[in-house]
N, C-alpha and C. Protein backbone atom coordinates (compact mmCIF):
# COMPACT_ATOMS: atom_id res chain seq x y z
N MET A 1 152.26 299.80 152.43
CA MET A 1 153.51 298.83 153.20
C MET A 1 153.16 297.48 152.45
N ALA A 2 152.45 297.35 151.44
CA ALA A 2 152.41 296.20 150.90
C ALA A 2 153.50 295.62 150.05
N LYS A 3 153.94 294.43 150.44
CA LYS A 3 154.75 293.88 149.73
C LYS A 3 154.20 293.06 148.24
N SER A 4 155.02 293.49 147.19
CA SER A 4 154.65 292.74 145.82
C SER A 4 154.93 291.10 145.89
N LYS A 5 154.40 290.31 145.83
CA LYS A 5 154.77 288.86 146.04
C LYS A 5 154.72 288.56 144.35
N LYS A 6 155.72 287.30 144.04
CA LYS A 6 156.13 286.97 142.57
C LYS A 6 154.73 285.80 142.94
N LYS A 7 154.00 285.82 141.89
CA LYS A 7 153.14 284.79 141.57
C LYS A 7 153.89 283.58 141.21
N LYS A 8 153.57 282.13 141.97
CA LYS A 8 153.89 281.10 141.58
C LYS A 8 153.22 280.25 140.29
N GLU A 9 154.11 279.82 139.54
CA GLU A 9 153.44 279.37 138.16
C GLU A 9 153.71 277.77 138.34
N THR A 10 152.63 277.48 137.24
CA THR A 10 152.79 275.72 137.66
C THR A 10 153.83 275.38 136.40
N THR A 11 155.07 274.24 137.11
CA THR A 11 156.08 273.86 136.14
C THR A 11 156.00 272.11 136.36
N PHE A 12 156.39 271.98 134.81
CA PHE A 12 156.20 270.22 134.50
C PHE A 12 157.71 269.40 135.07
N LEU A 13 157.77 268.40 135.62
CA LEU A 13 158.78 267.83 134.97
C LEU A 13 159.14 266.76 134.31
N VAL A 14 159.82 266.77 133.36
CA VAL A 14 159.52 265.89 132.01
C VAL A 14 160.68 264.97 132.54
N CYS A 15 160.24 263.69 131.91
CA CYS A 15 161.08 262.67 131.97
C CYS A 15 162.08 262.90 130.76
N GLN A 16 163.62 262.83 130.81
CA GLN A 16 164.81 262.92 129.86
C GLN A 16 164.51 261.50 128.80
N GLU A 17 164.45 260.60 129.27
CA GLU A 17 164.32 259.48 128.35
C GLU A 17 163.05 259.56 127.73
N THR A 18 161.85 259.36 128.18
CA THR A 18 160.60 258.98 127.56
C THR A 18 159.45 260.51 127.43
N GLY A 19 160.03 261.16 127.69
CA GLY A 19 158.94 262.76 127.62
C GLY A 19 157.68 262.68 128.20
N ASP A 20 157.82 261.79 128.96
CA ASP A 20 156.53 261.97 130.04
C ASP A 20 156.60 263.02 130.98
N ILE A 21 155.29 263.68 131.18
CA ILE A 21 155.55 264.51 132.27
C ILE A 21 154.74 263.70 133.77
N ASN A 22 155.70 263.89 134.38
CA ASN A 22 155.52 262.52 135.50
C ASN A 22 155.24 263.41 136.78
N TYR A 23 155.84 264.68 136.74
CA TYR A 23 155.46 265.48 138.39
C TYR A 23 155.24 267.27 138.11
N VAL A 24 154.22 267.41 138.39
CA VAL A 24 153.66 268.47 138.53
C VAL A 24 154.00 269.83 139.79
N MET A 25 154.60 270.92 139.71
CA MET A 25 154.70 271.26 140.96
C MET A 25 154.60 273.16 140.67
N LEU A 26 154.42 273.69 141.74
CA LEU A 26 154.48 275.31 141.95
C LEU A 26 155.89 275.85 142.54
N ARG A 27 156.42 276.93 141.11
CA ARG A 27 157.67 277.54 141.70
C ARG A 27 157.52 279.22 140.97
N LYS A 28 158.29 279.69 142.04
CA LYS A 28 158.43 280.99 141.42
C LYS A 28 159.37 281.08 140.14
N PRO A 29 159.01 282.00 139.78
CA PRO A 29 159.34 282.08 138.29
C PRO A 29 160.91 282.95 138.66
N GLY A 30 161.74 282.79 137.19
CA GLY A 30 163.36 283.21 137.55
C GLY A 30 164.18 281.78 137.66
N GLY A 31 165.22 282.16 138.03
CA GLY A 31 166.21 280.89 138.20
C GLY A 31 166.59 280.23 137.18
N GLU A 32 167.57 279.35 137.47
CA GLU A 32 167.47 278.36 136.34
C GLU A 32 166.71 277.05 136.44
N LYS A 33 166.83 276.54 135.24
CA LYS A 33 165.93 275.10 135.13
C LYS A 33 166.09 274.07 135.97
N LEU A 34 165.36 273.38 136.98
CA LEU A 34 165.51 272.41 137.60
C LEU A 34 165.90 271.28 137.02
N GLN A 35 166.92 270.23 136.92
CA GLN A 35 167.40 268.78 136.91
C GLN A 35 167.34 268.36 137.93
N LEU A 36 166.29 267.43 138.26
CA LEU A 36 166.22 266.44 139.34
C LEU A 36 166.29 264.79 139.05
N LYS A 37 166.85 264.13 139.49
CA LYS A 37 166.38 262.70 139.41
C LYS A 37 165.09 262.03 140.27
N LYS A 38 163.89 261.68 139.22
CA LYS A 38 162.86 261.63 140.20
C LYS A 38 162.74 259.94 139.19
N TYR A 39 161.95 259.33 139.86
CA TYR A 39 161.52 258.06 139.18
C TYR A 39 160.51 258.28 138.31
N SER A 40 160.50 257.41 137.22
CA SER A 40 159.55 257.25 135.94
C SER A 40 158.99 256.19 136.26
N PRO A 41 157.71 255.78 136.13
CA PRO A 41 156.54 254.78 136.52
C PRO A 41 156.77 254.06 135.06
N ARG A 42 156.89 254.63 133.83
CA ARG A 42 157.31 253.56 132.48
C ARG A 42 158.41 253.07 132.78
N LEU A 43 159.23 253.50 133.16
CA LEU A 43 160.32 252.60 133.28
C LEU A 43 160.90 251.94 134.28
N ARG A 44 160.49 252.18 135.33
CA ARG A 44 160.51 251.90 136.77
C ARG A 44 161.66 251.99 137.07
N ARG A 45 162.17 252.79 137.26
CA ARG A 45 163.55 253.22 137.28
C ARG A 45 163.81 254.84 137.54
N VAL A 46 164.87 255.29 137.95
CA VAL A 46 165.23 256.66 138.57
C VAL A 46 166.18 257.42 137.45
N THR A 47 165.10 258.23 137.07
CA THR A 47 165.75 259.13 135.59
C THR A 47 166.06 260.52 135.41
N LEU A 48 166.47 261.01 135.02
CA LEU A 48 166.71 262.34 134.77
C LEU A 48 165.31 263.30 134.40
N HIS A 49 164.77 264.31 135.13
CA HIS A 49 163.86 264.98 135.00
C HIS A 49 164.17 266.33 134.70
N ILE A 50 163.80 267.18 133.51
CA ILE A 50 164.09 268.48 133.35
C ILE A 50 162.59 269.44 133.54
N GLU A 51 162.90 270.21 133.84
CA GLU A 51 161.69 271.18 134.22
C GLU A 51 161.34 271.97 133.15
N LYS A 52 160.08 271.87 132.47
CA LYS A 52 159.20 272.60 131.58
C LYS A 52 158.51 273.11 132.03
N ARG A 53 158.08 274.84 131.47
CA ARG A 53 157.07 275.60 131.92
C ARG A 53 156.10 275.75 130.70
N LYS A 54 154.97 275.97 131.35
CA LYS A 54 153.61 275.73 130.45
C LYS A 54 153.85 276.49 129.14
């Protein structure tokens, strides 16, 4: 009765404008890439961040 669990992988959110890795998160594999608007400390404003896997 043991369920097989999908292991979470480490993913990075990379700023589209500067290329900096600003956020790290654990996420289950599969699905489409995340595209989120997050704060970029270097630019001091909100920019688009795209998911990149290790």
